[in-house]
Structures are given as structure tokens and as C-alpha cells.
Protein backbone atom coordinates (compact mmCIF):
# COMPACT_ATOMS: atom_id res chain seq x y z
CA MET A 1 204.93 165.17 -8.97
CA SER A 2 207.27 167.83 -7.59
CA ILE A 3 209.99 166.89 -5.14
CA VAL A 4 208.27 168.92 -2.38
CA ARG A 5 205.01 167.00 -2.84
CA LEU A 6 206.87 163.71 -2.99
CA VAL A 7 208.68 164.41 0.30
CA ALA A 8 205.44 165.56 1.95
CA ALA A 9 203.56 162.48 0.75
CA THR A 10 206.35 160.18 1.92
CA ALA A 11 206.44 161.81 5.37
CA ALA A 12 202.66 161.57 5.66
CA ALA A 13 202.75 157.88 4.71
CA ILE A 14 205.45 157.15 7.29
CA VAL A 15 203.42 158.84 10.02
CA LEU A 16 200.18 157.18 8.89
CA PHE A 17 201.57 153.65 8.68
CA SER A 18 203.79 153.86 11.76
CA GLY A 19 200.86 154.67 14.00
CA VAL A 20 202.64 157.80 15.21
CA SER A 21 200.89 161.13 15.18
CA ALA A 22 202.64 164.47 15.17
CA SER A 23 200.08 165.65 17.72
CA ALA A 24 199.64 162.39 19.61
CA ALA A 25 197.85 162.69 22.92
CA PRO A 26 200.07 162.15 25.95
CA SER A 27 199.91 158.70 27.51
CA ALA A 28 198.03 158.01 30.72
CA ALA A 29 201.39 157.38 32.41
CA THR A 30 202.71 160.80 31.31
CA LEU A 31 199.56 162.54 32.58
CA ALA A 32 199.74 160.66 35.90
CA ARG A 33 203.40 161.65 36.27
CA GLY A 34 202.59 165.28 35.45
CA ARG A 35 199.78 165.30 38.01
CA ALA A 36 202.06 163.84 40.69
CA LEU A 37 204.80 166.38 39.91
CA VAL A 38 202.32 169.29 40.07
CA VAL A 39 201.22 168.15 43.52
CA PHE A 40 204.66 167.17 44.82
CA GLY A 41 206.24 170.30 43.34
CA THR A 42 203.73 172.43 45.27
CA CYS A 43 202.52 174.17 42.11
CA ASN A 44 198.98 174.24 43.50
CA ASP A 45 200.13 176.07 46.64
CA CYS A 46 200.23 179.30 44.65
CA HIS A 47 198.51 178.58 41.32
CA THR A 48 195.28 177.12 42.82
CA ALA A 49 193.24 179.50 44.93
CA GLY A 50 192.38 178.04 48.35
CA TRP A 51 194.67 174.99 48.03
CA ARG A 52 196.42 175.38 51.36
CA GLU A 53 193.30 176.50 53.23
CA ALA A 54 191.45 173.39 51.95
CA ASP A 55 194.36 171.08 52.85
CA GLY A 56 194.65 170.18 49.16
CA ASN A 57 190.98 169.22 48.86
CA VAL A 58 190.26 171.33 45.79
CA PRO A 59 188.54 169.75 42.78
CA VAL A 60 190.89 169.17 39.84
CA ALA A 61 188.54 171.36 37.80
CA ARG A 62 189.94 174.36 39.76
CA TRP A 63 193.60 173.36 39.76
CA MET A 64 196.19 175.74 38.28
CA THR A 65 193.70 178.55 37.52
CA GLY A 66 195.77 181.24 39.23
CA SER A 67 194.95 183.42 42.19
CA SER A 68 194.08 187.00 43.05
CA VAL A 69 196.16 186.76 46.25
CA GLY A 70 199.37 188.58 45.44
CA PHE A 71 202.92 188.21 46.67
CA ARG A 72 204.36 191.58 47.61
CA SER A 73 208.13 191.90 47.48
CA ALA A 74 210.64 194.72 47.14
CA SER A 75 210.14 194.49 43.35
CA GLY A 76 206.34 194.86 43.52
CA THR A 77 203.32 192.58 43.79
CA SER A 78 202.96 189.61 41.47
CA TYR A 79 200.10 187.17 41.12
CA PRO A 80 200.15 183.43 40.43
CA THR A 81 199.42 182.93 36.75
CA ASN A 82 196.44 181.00 35.46
CA VAL A 83 198.71 178.37 33.93
CA ARG A 84 195.78 176.51 32.34
CA LEU A 85 194.96 179.52 30.18
CA GLU A 86 198.63 180.25 29.49
CA PHE A 87 199.40 176.69 28.33
CA GLN A 88 196.53 176.75 25.82
CA THR A 89 198.50 179.27 23.72
CA MET A 90 202.08 178.51 24.81
CA PRO A 91 203.83 175.70 22.94
CA GLU A 92 205.69 173.12 25.01
CA SER A 93 209.01 174.34 23.59
CA GLN A 94 208.30 177.85 24.88
CA TRP A 95 207.51 176.43 28.36
CA LEU A 96 210.83 174.59 28.39
CA GLN A 97 212.68 177.72 27.28
CA ALA A 98 210.95 179.79 29.99
CA VAL A 99 211.97 177.29 32.67
CA HIS A 100 215.58 177.25 31.50
CA THR A 101 215.99 181.01 31.07
CA ARG A 102 213.42 182.89 33.12
CA ALA A 103 213.77 184.60 36.47
CA GLY A 104 211.75 187.09 38.41
CA HIS A 105 208.20 187.35 39.71
CA PRO A 106 208.85 186.24 43.28
CA PRO A 107 208.03 183.85 44.84
CA MET A 108 208.17 181.64 41.72
CA ILE A 109 211.09 179.25 42.15
CA TRP A 110 212.49 179.23 38.62
CA GLN A 111 215.96 178.40 40.01
CA ASP A 112 214.62 175.13 41.48
CA LEU A 113 212.45 174.30 38.48
CA ARG A 114 215.51 174.48 36.22
CA ALA A 115 216.87 171.37 37.98
CA VAL A 116 213.87 169.27 36.89
CA PRO A 117 214.61 166.98 33.92
CA ASP A 118 212.99 168.00 30.64
CA ALA A 119 210.96 164.77 30.51
CA ASP A 120 209.34 165.75 33.82
CA LEU A 121 208.82 169.35 32.70
CA ARG A 122 207.06 167.99 29.61
CA ALA A 123 204.86 165.77 31.79
CA ILE A 124 203.91 168.80 33.93
CA TYR A 125 203.09 170.81 30.81
CA GLN A 126 201.06 168.00 29.22
CA PHE A 127 199.08 167.34 32.41
CA ILE A 128 198.20 171.00 32.91
CA LYS A 129 197.35 171.50 29.25
CA SER A 130 195.15 168.37 29.33
CA LEU A 131 193.00 170.02 32.01
CA GLY A 132 191.79 172.52 29.39
CA PRO A 133 191.12 176.22 29.77
CA ALA A 134 189.34 177.39 32.93
CA GLY A 135 189.15 180.43 35.13
CA VAL A 136 190.18 184.00 34.44
CA LEU A 137 193.50 185.76 33.98
CA ALA A 138 195.36 186.66 37.14
CA PRO A 139 195.64 190.36 38.00
CA ALA A 140 198.53 192.25 36.43
CA ALA A 141 201.67 192.79 38.48
CA ILE A 142 201.79 195.99 40.53
CA PRO A 143 204.87 198.21 40.94
CA PRO A 144 206.47 198.37 44.41
CA TRP A 145 205.25 201.90 45.17
CA ARG A 146 201.57 201.00 44.70
CA GLU A 147 199.50 199.36 47.47
CA PRO A 148 197.67 196.29 46.13
CA ALA A 149 193.86 196.40 46.24
CA THR A 150 193.73 192.62 46.59
CA PRO A 151 194.83 190.44 49.50
CA TYR A 152 198.56 189.70 49.46
CA VAL A 153 201.35 187.93 51.27
CA ASP A 154 203.99 190.44 52.32
CA THR A 155 207.41 188.96 51.66
CA ARG A 156 209.19 192.26 52.28
CA VAL A 157 209.42 191.59 56.01
CA GLN A 158 212.70 189.94 56.94
CA PRO A 159 212.98 187.76 60.04
CA THR A 160 214.82 189.22 62.98
CA PRO A 161 218.18 187.46 63.51
CA ARG A 162 218.70 185.87 66.91
């Protein structure tokens, strides 16, 4: 037996007999924590169409499926991503890297999300991914000089100082 096969067989035996799986399903506690963080973190406010209008009474089957209501800023109009579809192809490590390094697409609060501990970010990811794919892709971002054809929230207006 070659050394490569011996190492692979040994690793497989350790995983098999330890009861640990490389792709183990998240625990019920992790999923419950992820669900609570999604709600408390107001993720649904943007990423679930109709969440605010329904006072949060939207079936979980529709959670985190994105929205066609855009957010228009000086940098253009962006749309809340269908995170459920995105997480089906995005590994957890890529999600963590995005949180730690990404900026842009107002009004997403990447700067606040970066303060969340990785264990909680993983719980959010695992909860959303556990919901499975649903919905359609959100519309593509629109440059600032183009008027959106969809409804949008205009964040370009600044409050008048008193």
C-alpha cells in the first residue's frame, strides 16, 4: 500500500470511528442561533421582500430570497441579494472572507457585520444555507445615471440640518 493510500485510509478510519463527519450537519442549537441572529440583525428587513410591511409575519419559506426593491444612492441602485441562492454555491470560508473584507453596495452594513464573532457568522451562514434554494436572483445593480425601472428607496436625499 502506498503512503498516500495509507494516510487516506487512516484519516477515513479516524473520521468513521470518531463519529465526526467532514460535512456534518449543523446542530439544532447552531441553527436556532443563526435564525435568531438573522432576525435580530435585521437581515430580513432588506433580504426578505415584504418583511417590514408584514411586521415580520413572513413565512420562513420566503426568508432571505432577496428583493426587487432597490436602494438608490450616489453610487447607483443596488438590490438585496437572494442570499439563499448565493449560499448554495458559496463556501462558508468565502462568506467569512466577504464579511471581513467587503464594502460597498449601500445600504449593506458590512462595517457592522465585521464586528460579529466568526462563530455567529458561521451560525448565520449555516441557518440560511439550511433553508435551501428558493426564489429568483435579485436584479443587477444599476449605475447612478440610470433611473431604476423597479421601486426603490432613495437614499440620495440628505436631511436638512436644523
